[in-house]
Amino acid sequence: MEIIIQHGPALIALAVGLGLFMTWGIGANDVANALGTSVGSGAITIKTAIVIAAIFEFAGAALAGGHVTETIRKGIIDPAGMADRPELLVFGMLGALLAAACWLAAASLKGWPVSTTHSIVGAVVGVGVAGMGVESVHWGKIGQIVASWVISPAIGGGLAFALMLSIQKLILNAERPFEAAVRWGPYYVFLVGFTVSLVTLFKGLAHLDIDLSVPMSFLLAALIGLAVALIGRHAISRVRVDEAADRDFHFASVERVFAPMIVFTACAMAFAHGSNDVANGVGPMAAVYGLIKSGGEVSQRLPMPFWILALGGFGIVVGLATFGYRVMQTIGKRITELTPTRGFCATVAAAVTVVVASRTAMPVSTTHIAVGAVMGVGLARGIAAINLRVILSIVISWLITLPAGGILAAAFYFMFKGMFT
């Protein structure tokens, strides 16, 4: 307790600095998951992706990031074991942040699309085991999270596969594919706006004290979806048939219709990504802040300060703008060949899966979901369309991440403990 009183401001400053480092790593590594499919399909440039991310990653983090943050802060280990020495929990959260951030920085420099969720969950578990023993970890919660890492990419892949089949049936196999794309395009854009808005309105704004009834949420989401669809319809109406390109590739003009639609899906995915992955960086930061402000009361329930969510959004955007392009190419280009229609399906499926998981407070891996969605659109063309060697290397990097985060976090926990005690 004396350590918290004596070094409180320094510990908060350290938590903020490491939280920014962690969210920078999230942006640098997970940009591929949020926007890699859009860039890889050729629909938008990297610069456009960064502008979209700057707006919608920040909005998702600041407006809808509170629920998952609660799971990272309190759901993985039982802090009651450190009630008599709360400074140990502070050291643990700092160690978890530094460990996950270092691993993400190394992976980003190498271009490995590792899971930021794996990194921080593994780090928090490592801290719990090192500081309080194996029994302090909520293994049931860990089991749910691990199960979500298997289930969520399957859901993302299944949704992407179904969307791709619907596009093949309604548009690509139509007698006049271009006219069919122009006709059905706004409905697909409506689906994006409605789904993301509805789930966010249901649970995402609770920490802003905005409480809407279910009918009101449906109505508002439908209106938002309609507005987005009208904007999408206007953008689609400006696309013209390219007869020369159609001679080389029969669906070239259809792909041109989906190019502006990709912008809407990229915005949705960036919002979904920010709402889910900001928790990985600011959850431990919020835990440290709450402990210091409450004078070391481990059980004290403090509201999530808005400035912490906003700070996390800022860190993610900086990471995207600096090193994000390195990882982007793996998901956008190396798993399977992406076109605007395929990129659209993969991004919509991933966005819907991530934002639903975020609202149910489950810190899923955006990396897993994005890879699953890209595999789903690839499977719509047959197993041969997928680069299985790349998939294998990605899975291996995932398996390494969890223990790496845990071991590093345990080491950094003892380092901070030695520095301040």
Protein backbone atom coordinates (compact mmCIF):
# COMPACT_ATOMS: atom_id res chain seq x y z
CA MET A 1 0.00 0.00 0.00
CA GLU A 2 2.86 2.38 0.86
CA ILE A 3 4.41 1.79 -2.56
CA ILE A 4 1.16 2.80 -4.30
CA ILE A 5 0.91 5.98 -2.22
CA GLN A 6 4.59 6.85 -2.68
CA HIS A 7 4.96 6.00 -6.39
CA GLY A 8 1.34 6.45 -7.57
CA PRO A 9 1.93 9.18 -10.20
CA ALA A 10 5.00 7.40 -11.57
CA LEU A 11 3.12 4.09 -11.84
CA ILE A 12 0.21 5.76 -13.68
CA ALA A 13 2.64 7.46 -16.07
CA LEU A 14 4.36 4.12 -16.66
CA ALA A 15 1.01 2.43 -17.29
CA VAL A 16 0.00 5.11 -19.79
CA GLY A 17 3.32 4.86 -21.61
CA LEU A 18 3.23 1.07 -21.81
CA GLY A 19 -0.46 1.16 -22.77
CA LEU A 20 0.41 3.43 -25.69
CA PHE A 21 3.27 1.09 -26.65
CA MET A 22 0.87 -1.85 -26.54
CA THR A 23 -1.84 -0.12 -28.59
CA TRP A 24 0.84 0.95 -31.09
CA GLY A 25 1.70 -2.73 -31.47
CA ILE A 26 -1.99 -3.56 -31.95
CA GLY A 27 -2.21 -1.02 -34.75
CA ALA A 28 1.04 -2.10 -36.34
CA ASN A 29 0.12 -5.79 -36.34
CA ASP A 30 -3.65 -5.93 -36.59
CA VAL A 31 -4.04 -3.43 -39.42
CA ALA A 32 -3.91 -6.46 -41.70
CA ASN A 33 -6.90 -7.95 -39.94
CA ALA A 34 -8.95 -4.77 -40.18
CA LEU A 35 -8.02 -3.55 -43.63
CA GLY A 36 -5.70 -6.08 -45.27
CA THR A 37 -8.50 -7.63 -47.36
CA SER A 38 -9.62 -4.22 -48.63
CA VAL A 39 -6.10 -3.21 -49.66
CA GLY A 40 -5.21 -6.68 -50.93
CA SER A 41 -8.21 -6.71 -53.26
CA GLY A 42 -6.98 -3.51 -54.88
CA ALA A 43 -10.14 -1.59 -53.94
CA ILE A 44 -8.39 1.00 -51.75
CA THR A 45 -4.81 2.20 -51.31
CA ILE A 46 -2.77 1.95 -48.13
CA LYS A 47 -3.09 5.72 -47.63
CA THR A 48 -6.89 5.51 -47.87
CA ALA A 49 -6.85 2.60 -45.44
CA ILE A 50 -4.89 4.65 -42.91
CA VAL A 51 -7.35 7.58 -43.18
CA ILE A 52 -10.32 5.21 -42.71
CA ALA A 53 -8.59 3.58 -39.75
CA ALA A 54 -7.75 6.92 -38.16
CA ILE A 55 -11.45 7.77 -38.01
CA PHE A 56 -13.19 4.44 -37.41
CA GLU A 57 -10.59 2.59 -35.31
CA PHE A 58 -10.60 5.56 -32.95
CA ALA A 59 -14.41 5.72 -32.95
CA GLY A 60 -14.75 1.99 -32.24
CA ALA A 61 -12.25 2.17 -29.41
CA ALA A 62 -13.72 5.28 -27.81
CA LEU A 63 -17.43 4.50 -28.25
CA ALA A 64 -17.71 0.72 -28.02
CA GLY A 65 -14.54 -0.58 -26.40
CA GLY A 66 -15.68 -0.75 -22.77
CA HIS A 67 -17.17 -4.28 -22.60
CA VAL A 68 -14.15 -6.31 -23.67
CA THR A 69 -11.91 -4.12 -21.53
CA GLU A 70 -13.81 -5.34 -18.45
CA THR A 71 -12.96 -8.96 -19.34
CA ILE A 72 -9.26 -8.21 -19.74
CA ARG A 73 -9.18 -6.24 -16.48
CA LYS A 74 -10.99 -8.69 -14.20
CA GLY A 75 -12.09 -11.81 -16.02
CA ILE A 76 -8.81 -13.66 -16.56
CA ILE A 77 -7.23 -13.75 -13.09
CA ASP A 78 -8.67 -13.27 -9.61
CA PRO A 79 -7.14 -10.04 -8.23
CA ALA A 80 -8.44 -10.84 -4.73
CA GLY A 81 -5.29 -12.90 -4.16
CA MET A 82 -3.31 -9.66 -4.11
CA ALA A 83 -5.76 -7.70 -1.95
CA ASP A 84 -3.27 -7.35 0.90
CA ARG A 85 -0.47 -6.29 -1.49
CA PRO A 86 -2.17 -4.41 -4.37
CA GLU A 87 1.16 -3.15 -5.68
CA LEU A 88 1.83 -6.70 -6.91
CA LEU A 89 -1.21 -6.47 -9.18
CA VAL A 90 0.09 -3.16 -10.49
CA PHE A 91 3.46 -4.76 -11.27
CA GLY A 92 1.63 -7.63 -12.92
CA MET A 93 -0.43 -5.43 -15.22
CA LEU A 94 2.66 -3.40 -16.15
CA GLY A 95 4.54 -6.62 -16.88
CA ALA A 96 1.68 -7.90 -19.03
CA LEU A 97 1.59 -4.68 -21.07
CA LEU A 98 5.34 -4.61 -21.64
CA ALA A 99 5.54 -8.30 -22.53
CA ALA A 100 2.69 -8.19 -25.04
CA ALA A 101 3.95 -4.93 -26.54
CA CYS A 102 7.49 -6.27 -27.03
CA TRP A 103 6.21 -9.44 -28.69
CA LEU A 104 3.93 -7.47 -31.01
CA ALA A 105 6.71 -5.08 -31.94
CA ALA A 106 9.02 -7.98 -32.84
CA ALA A 107 6.28 -9.72 -34.83
CA SER A 108 5.34 -6.52 -36.66
CA LEU A 109 8.93 -5.88 -37.71
CA LYS A 110 9.02 -9.41 -39.14
CA GLY A 111 5.59 -9.08 -40.77
CA TRP A 112 4.07 -11.94 -38.73
CA PRO A 113 0.28 -11.62 -38.26
CA VAL A 114 0.17 -12.76 -34.64
CA SER A 115 -2.83 -12.31 -32.38
CA THR A 116 -2.75 -9.32 -30.07
CA THR A 117 -5.45 -11.05 -28.00
CA HIS A 118 -3.24 -14.10 -27.61
CA SER A 119 -0.41 -11.82 -26.56
CA ILE A 120 -2.19 -9.97 -23.75
CA VAL A 121 -4.25 -12.93 -22.49
CA GLY A 122 -1.10 -15.08 -22.36
CA ALA A 123 0.72 -12.25 -20.59
CA VAL A 124 -2.00 -11.80 -17.95
CA VAL A 125 -2.06 -15.55 -17.31
CA GLY A 126 1.75 -15.56 -16.96
CA VAL A 127 1.53 -12.76 -14.41
CA GLY A 128 -1.21 -14.55 -12.46
CA VAL A 129 0.79 -17.79 -12.27
CA ALA A 130 4.04 -15.99 -11.34
CA GLY A 131 2.48 -13.70 -8.73
CA MET A 132 -0.27 -15.78 -7.13
CA GLY A 133 0.00 -19.33 -8.40
CA VAL A 134 -1.90 -21.49 -10.87
CA GLU A 135 -5.10 -21.40 -8.82
CA SER A 136 -5.46 -17.62 -9.31
CA VAL A 137 -6.26 -18.01 -13.00
CA HIS A 138 -9.92 -18.33 -14.04
CA TRP A 139 -9.28 -21.39 -16.18
CA GLY A 140 -12.97 -21.65 -17.04
CA LYS A 141 -12.82 -18.16 -18.57
CA ILE A 142 -9.58 -19.07 -20.34
CA GLY A 143 -11.33 -22.14 -21.74
CA GLN A 144 -14.14 -19.95 -23.11
CA ILE A 145 -11.64 -17.57 -24.69
CA VAL A 146 -9.63 -20.43 -26.23
CA ALA A 147 -12.85 -21.95 -27.56
CA SER A 148 -13.74 -18.60 -29.11
CA TRP A 149 -10.41 -18.67 -30.95
CA VAL A 150 -11.57 -21.84 -32.69
CA ILE A 151 -15.27 -21.00 -33.06
CA SER A 152 -14.94 -17.36 -34.19
CA PRO A 153 -12.77 -18.01 -37.29
CA ALA A 154 -15.17 -20.83 -38.23
CA ILE A 155 -18.09 -18.39 -37.94
CA GLY A 156 -16.21 -15.74 -39.90
CA GLY A 157 -15.28 -18.25 -42.57
CA GLY A 158 -18.82 -19.61 -42.76
CA LEU A 159 -20.32 -16.12 -43.13
CA ALA A 160 -17.77 -15.19 -45.81
CA PHE A 161 -18.45 -18.47 -47.65
CA ALA A 162 -22.23 -17.86 -47.55
CA LEU A 163 -21.87 -14.24 -48.73
CA MET A 164 -19.62 -15.34 -51.59
CA LEU A 165 -22.13 -17.99 -52.67
CA SER A 166 -24.95 -15.41 -52.57
CA ILE A 167 -22.94 -13.06 -54.79
CA GLN A 168 -22.22 -15.91 -57.18
CA LYS A 169 -25.94 -16.81 -57.36
CA LEU A 170 -27.45 -13.33 -57.48
CA ILE A 171 -24.80 -11.47 -59.46
CA LEU A 172 -22.00 -13.48 -61.08
CA ASN A 173 -24.32 -16.16 -62.50
CA ALA A 174 -26.97 -13.63 -63.61
CA GLU A 175 -27.69 -13.07 -67.29
CA ARG A 176 -26.39 -9.49 -66.97
CA PRO A 177 -23.90 -9.50 -64.07
CA PHE A 178 -23.15 -5.76 -64.12
CA GLU A 179 -26.83 -4.75 -63.91
CA ALA A 180 -27.36 -7.35 -61.19
CA ALA A 181 -24.42 -5.93 -59.21
CA VAL A 182 -25.83 -2.40 -59.46
CA ARG A 183 -29.26 -3.66 -58.35
CA TRP A 184 -28.14 -5.82 -55.41
CA GLY A 185 -25.15 -3.75 -54.26
CA PRO A 186 -27.11 -1.32 -52.02
CA TYR A 187 -28.72 -4.26 -50.20
CA TYR A 188 -25.28 -5.62 -49.28
CA VAL A 189 -24.22 -2.15 -48.09
CA PHE A 190 -27.43 -1.93 -46.00
CA LEU A 191 -26.48 -5.25 -44.36
CA VAL A 192 -23.15 -3.76 -43.29
CA GLY A 193 -24.62 -0.55 -41.85
CA PHE A 194 -27.56 -2.25 -40.14
CA THR A 195 -25.63 -5.10 -38.48
CA VAL A 196 -22.74 -3.07 -37.12
CA SER A 197 -25.09 -0.30 -35.92
CA LEU A 198 -27.53 -2.71 -34.26
CA VAL A 199 -24.97 -4.63 -32.23
CA THR A 200 -23.22 -1.42 -31.18
CA LEU A 201 -26.52 0.15 -30.08
CA PHE A 202 -27.47 -2.97 -28.11
CA LYS A 203 -24.48 -3.06 -25.80
CA GLY A 204 -21.67 -0.90 -27.04
CA LEU A 205 -22.72 2.46 -25.60
CA ALA A 206 -23.49 1.45 -22.01
CA HIS A 207 -20.41 3.19 -20.59
CA LEU A 208 -21.62 6.42 -22.24
CA ASP A 209 -24.92 6.14 -20.30
CA ILE A 210 -26.92 5.74 -23.52
CA ASP A 211 -29.64 3.13 -22.96
CA LEU A 212 -32.01 2.42 -25.86
CA SER A 213 -34.90 -0.05 -25.94
CA VAL A 214 -34.76 -3.01 -28.33
CA PRO A 215 -37.38 -1.60 -30.78
CA MET A 216 -35.63 1.79 -30.75
CA SER A 217 -32.27 0.11 -31.41
CA PHE A 218 -33.73 -1.79 -34.38
CA LEU A 219 -35.33 1.36 -35.77
CA LEU A 220 -32.21 3.48 -35.39
CA ALA A 221 -30.00 0.72 -36.85
CA ALA A 222 -32.38 0.38 -39.82
CA LEU A 223 -32.25 4.14 -40.41
CA ILE A 224 -28.45 4.12 -40.24
CA GLY A 225 -28.35 1.12 -42.58
CA LEU A 226 -30.72 2.89 -44.99
CA ALA A 227 -28.60 6.05 -44.95
CA VAL A 228 -25.45 4.02 -45.63
CA ALA A 229 -27.25 2.12 -48.43
CA LEU A 230 -28.34 5.39 -50.09
CA ILE A 231 -24.77 6.68 -50.00
CA GLY A 232 -23.61 3.34 -51.39
CA ARG A 233 -26.23 3.47 -54.14
CA HIS A 234 -25.00 6.90 -55.19
CA ALA A 235 -21.40 5.69 -55.31
CA ILE A 236 -22.38 2.58 -57.28
CA SER A 237 -24.44 4.61 -59.80
CA ARG A 238 -21.27 6.41 -60.87
CA VAL A 239 -19.56 3.19 -61.97
CA ARG A 240 -19.58 2.59 -65.73
CA VAL A 241 -19.13 -0.59 -67.74
CA ASP A 242 -15.56 -1.11 -68.99
CA GLU A 243 -16.08 -3.15 -72.15
CA ALA A 244 -12.37 -3.44 -72.91
CA ALA A 245 -11.67 -4.85 -69.43
CA ASP A 246 -14.65 -7.19 -69.69
CA ARG A 247 -13.13 -8.80 -72.79
CA ASP A 248 -10.07 -9.79 -70.75
CA PHE A 249 -12.03 -10.70 -67.60
CA HIS A 250 -15.77 -11.28 -67.86
CA PHE A 251 -16.52 -9.82 -64.41
CA ALA A 252 -14.18 -6.81 -64.54
CA SER A 253 -17.06 -4.30 -64.51
CA VAL A 254 -18.77 -6.19 -61.67
CA GLU A 255 -15.60 -5.89 -59.61
CA ARG A 256 -15.62 -2.15 -60.31
CA VAL A 257 -19.09 -1.97 -58.70
CA PHE A 258 -17.78 -3.61 -55.52
CA ALA A 259 -14.75 -1.32 -55.27
CA PRO A 260 -16.65 1.63 -53.71
CA MET A 261 -18.63 -0.83 -51.55
CA ILE A 262 -15.33 -1.98 -50.05
CA VAL A 263 -14.94 1.47 -48.48
CA PHE A 264 -18.08 0.89 -46.38
CA THR A 265 -16.93 -2.56 -45.28
CA ALA A 266 -13.47 -1.22 -44.45
CA CYS A 267 -15.07 1.43 -42.22
CA ALA A 268 -17.19 -1.24 -40.51
CA MET A 269 -14.21 -3.54 -39.96
CA ALA A 270 -12.05 -0.73 -38.61
CA PHE A 271 -14.83 0.22 -36.15
CA ALA A 272 -15.30 -3.42 -35.12
CA HIS A 273 -11.56 -3.91 -34.72
CA GLY A 274 -11.16 -0.79 -32.60
CA SER A 275 -14.09 -1.79 -30.36
CA ASN A 276 -12.62 -5.23 -29.66
CA ASP A 277 -8.83 -4.83 -29.72
CA VAL A 278 -8.49 -1.58 -27.78
CA ALA A 279 -9.23 -3.70 -24.69
CA ASN A 280 -5.97 -5.58 -25.18
CA GLY A 281 -4.01 -2.41 -24.60
CA VAL A 282 -6.09 -0.34 -22.20
CA GLY A 283 -7.50 -3.12 -19.98
CA PRO A 284 -4.33 -3.52 -17.91
CA MET A 285 -3.77 0.26 -18.06
CA ALA A 286 -7.26 0.83 -16.65
CA ALA A 287 -6.60 -1.74 -13.90
CA VAL A 288 -3.47 0.15 -12.80
CA TYR A 289 -5.24 3.51 -12.94
CA GLY A 290 -8.18 2.17 -10.91
CA LEU A 291 -5.92 0.69 -8.25
CA ILE A 292 -3.92 3.88 -7.82
CA LYS A 293 -7.00 6.13 -7.73
CA SER A 294 -8.79 3.91 -5.21
CA GLY A 295 -5.77 3.83 -2.94
CA GLY A 296 -5.09 0.16 -3.54
CA GLU A 297 -8.64 -1.19 -3.17
CA VAL A 298 -8.49 -4.28 -5.42
CA SER A 299 -12.22 -4.92 -5.21
CA GLN A 300 -13.14 -1.28 -5.90
CA ARG A 301 -15.29 -0.96 -9.03
CA LEU A 302 -14.40 2.19 -10.93
CA PRO A 303 -15.96 3.34 -14.22
CA MET A 304 -13.80 3.15 -17.33
CA PRO A 305 -12.53 6.70 -17.96
CA PHE A 306 -13.27 7.85 -21.50
CA TRP A 307 -9.77 9.30 -21.89
CA ILE A 308 -8.25 5.82 -21.50
CA LEU A 309 -10.36 4.43 -24.35
CA ALA A 310 -9.52 7.49 -26.46
CA LEU A 311 -5.82 7.11 -25.68
CA GLY A 312 -6.01 3.49 -26.80
CA GLY A 313 -7.64 4.53 -30.06
CA PHE A 314 -4.88 7.08 -30.66
CA GLY A 315 -2.15 4.47 -30.11
CA ILE A 316 -3.80 2.06 -32.54
CA VAL A 317 -3.97 4.71 -35.27
CA VAL A 318 -0.29 5.62 -34.86
CA GLY A 319 0.65 1.96 -35.11
CA LEU A 320 -1.42 1.56 -38.28
CA ALA A 321 0.23 4.55 -39.91
CA THR A 322 3.81 3.49 -39.14
CA PHE A 323 4.38 -0.28 -39.40
CA GLY A 324 0.96 -1.64 -40.36
CA TYR A 325 1.81 -2.15 -44.03
CA ARG A 326 4.28 -4.94 -43.20
CA VAL A 327 1.64 -7.32 -41.89
CA MET A 328 -1.10 -6.14 -44.24
CA GLN A 329 0.42 -7.95 -47.22
CA THR A 330 0.22 -11.38 -45.56
CA ILE A 331 -3.56 -11.50 -45.16
CA GLY A 332 -4.30 -9.27 -48.15
CA LYS A 333 -2.22 -11.06 -50.75
CA ARG A 334 -0.62 -14.34 -49.65
CA ILE A 335 -3.50 -16.55 -48.39
CA THR A 336 -5.64 -16.43 -51.55
CA GLU A 337 -6.09 -14.13 -54.52
CA LEU A 338 -8.54 -11.40 -53.56
CA THR A 339 -10.78 -9.33 -55.83
CA PRO A 340 -13.19 -6.59 -54.64
CA THR A 341 -16.10 -9.08 -54.42
CA ARG A 342 -14.03 -11.54 -52.40
CA GLY A 343 -12.54 -8.78 -50.27
CA PHE A 344 -16.04 -7.42 -49.61
CA CYS A 345 -17.34 -10.81 -48.42
CA ALA A 346 -14.31 -11.46 -46.21
CA THR A 347 -14.39 -8.00 -44.62
CA VAL A 348 -18.16 -8.00 -43.96
CA ALA A 349 -18.02 -11.47 -42.41
CA ALA A 350 -15.05 -10.54 -40.23
CA ALA A 351 -16.59 -7.22 -39.13
CA VAL A 352 -19.89 -8.81 -38.13
CA THR A 353 -18.14 -11.60 -36.22
CA VAL A 354 -15.78 -9.24 -34.39
CA VAL A 355 -18.41 -6.69 -33.41
CA VAL A 356 -20.83 -9.35 -32.13
CA ALA A 357 -18.02 -10.93 -30.09
CA SER A 358 -17.05 -7.51 -28.77
CA ARG A 359 -20.59 -6.82 -27.55
CA THR A 360 -20.71 -10.18 -25.76
CA ALA A 361 -17.50 -9.18 -23.91
CA MET A 362 -15.48 -12.03 -25.45
CA PRO A 363 -11.94 -10.93 -26.42
CA VAL A 364 -11.70 -12.92 -29.65
CA SER A 365 -8.72 -12.85 -31.95
CA THR A 366 -9.30 -10.52 -34.89
CA THR A 367 -6.40 -12.27 -36.60
CA HIS A 368 -8.16 -15.63 -36.41
CA ILE A 369 -11.43 -14.19 -37.67
CA ALA A 370 -9.83 -12.33 -40.56
CA VAL A 371 -7.84 -15.38 -41.66
CA GLY A 372 -10.95 -17.56 -41.33
CA ALA A 373 -12.95 -15.12 -43.47
CA VAL A 374 -10.29 -14.98 -46.18
CA MET A 375 -10.16 -18.79 -46.18
CA GLY A 376 -13.96 -18.84 -46.49
CA VAL A 377 -13.98 -16.81 -49.70
CA GLY A 378 -11.11 -18.92 -51.00
CA LEU A 379 -12.98 -22.15 -50.29
CA ALA A 380 -15.91 -20.86 -52.36
CA ARG A 381 -13.58 -21.43 -55.33
CA GLY A 382 -12.19 -24.73 -54.04
CA ILE A 383 -9.41 -25.82 -51.68
CA ALA A 384 -6.80 -25.30 -54.41
CA ALA A 385 -7.41 -21.54 -54.24
CA ILE A 386 -5.87 -21.38 -50.73
CA ASN A 387 -2.13 -21.26 -50.00
CA LEU A 388 -2.00 -23.92 -47.28
CA ARG A 389 1.70 -23.33 -46.64
CA VAL A 390 1.00 -19.73 -45.62
CA ILE A 391 -1.88 -20.89 -43.42
CA LEU A 392 0.45 -23.36 -41.67
CA SER A 393 3.07 -20.71 -40.96
CA ILE A 394 0.38 -18.37 -39.56
CA VAL A 395 -0.98 -21.08 -37.26
CA ILE A 396 2.54 -21.83 -35.97
CA SER A 397 3.03 -18.14 -35.13
CA TRP A 398 -0.27 -18.23 -33.21
CA LEU A 399 0.85 -21.24 -31.16
CA ILE A 400 4.10 -19.51 -30.22
CA THR A 401 2.43 -16.26 -29.15
CA LEU A 402 0.58 -17.50 -26.05
CA PRO A 403 3.56 -19.03 -24.20
CA ALA A 404 5.87 -16.22 -25.36
CA GLY A 405 3.55 -13.62 -23.84
CA GLY A 406 3.26 -15.58 -20.59
CA ILE A 407 7.00 -16.16 -20.11
CA LEU A 408 7.93 -12.55 -20.95
CA ALA A 409 5.23 -11.19 -18.64
CA ALA A 410 6.40 -13.29 -15.71
CA ALA A 411 9.96 -12.03 -16.22
CA PHE A 412 8.85 -8.39 -16.45
CA TYR A 413 6.63 -8.82 -13.38
CA PHE A 414 9.64 -9.79 -11.27
CA MET A 415 11.62 -6.93 -12.87
CA PHE A 416 9.07 -4.30 -11.83
CA LYS A 417 8.72 -5.91 -8.42
CA GLY A 418 12.47 -5.65 -7.93
CA MET A 419 12.56 -2.03 -9.11
CA PHE A 420 9.90 -0.73 -6.72
CA THR A 421 10.29 -2.96 -3.62
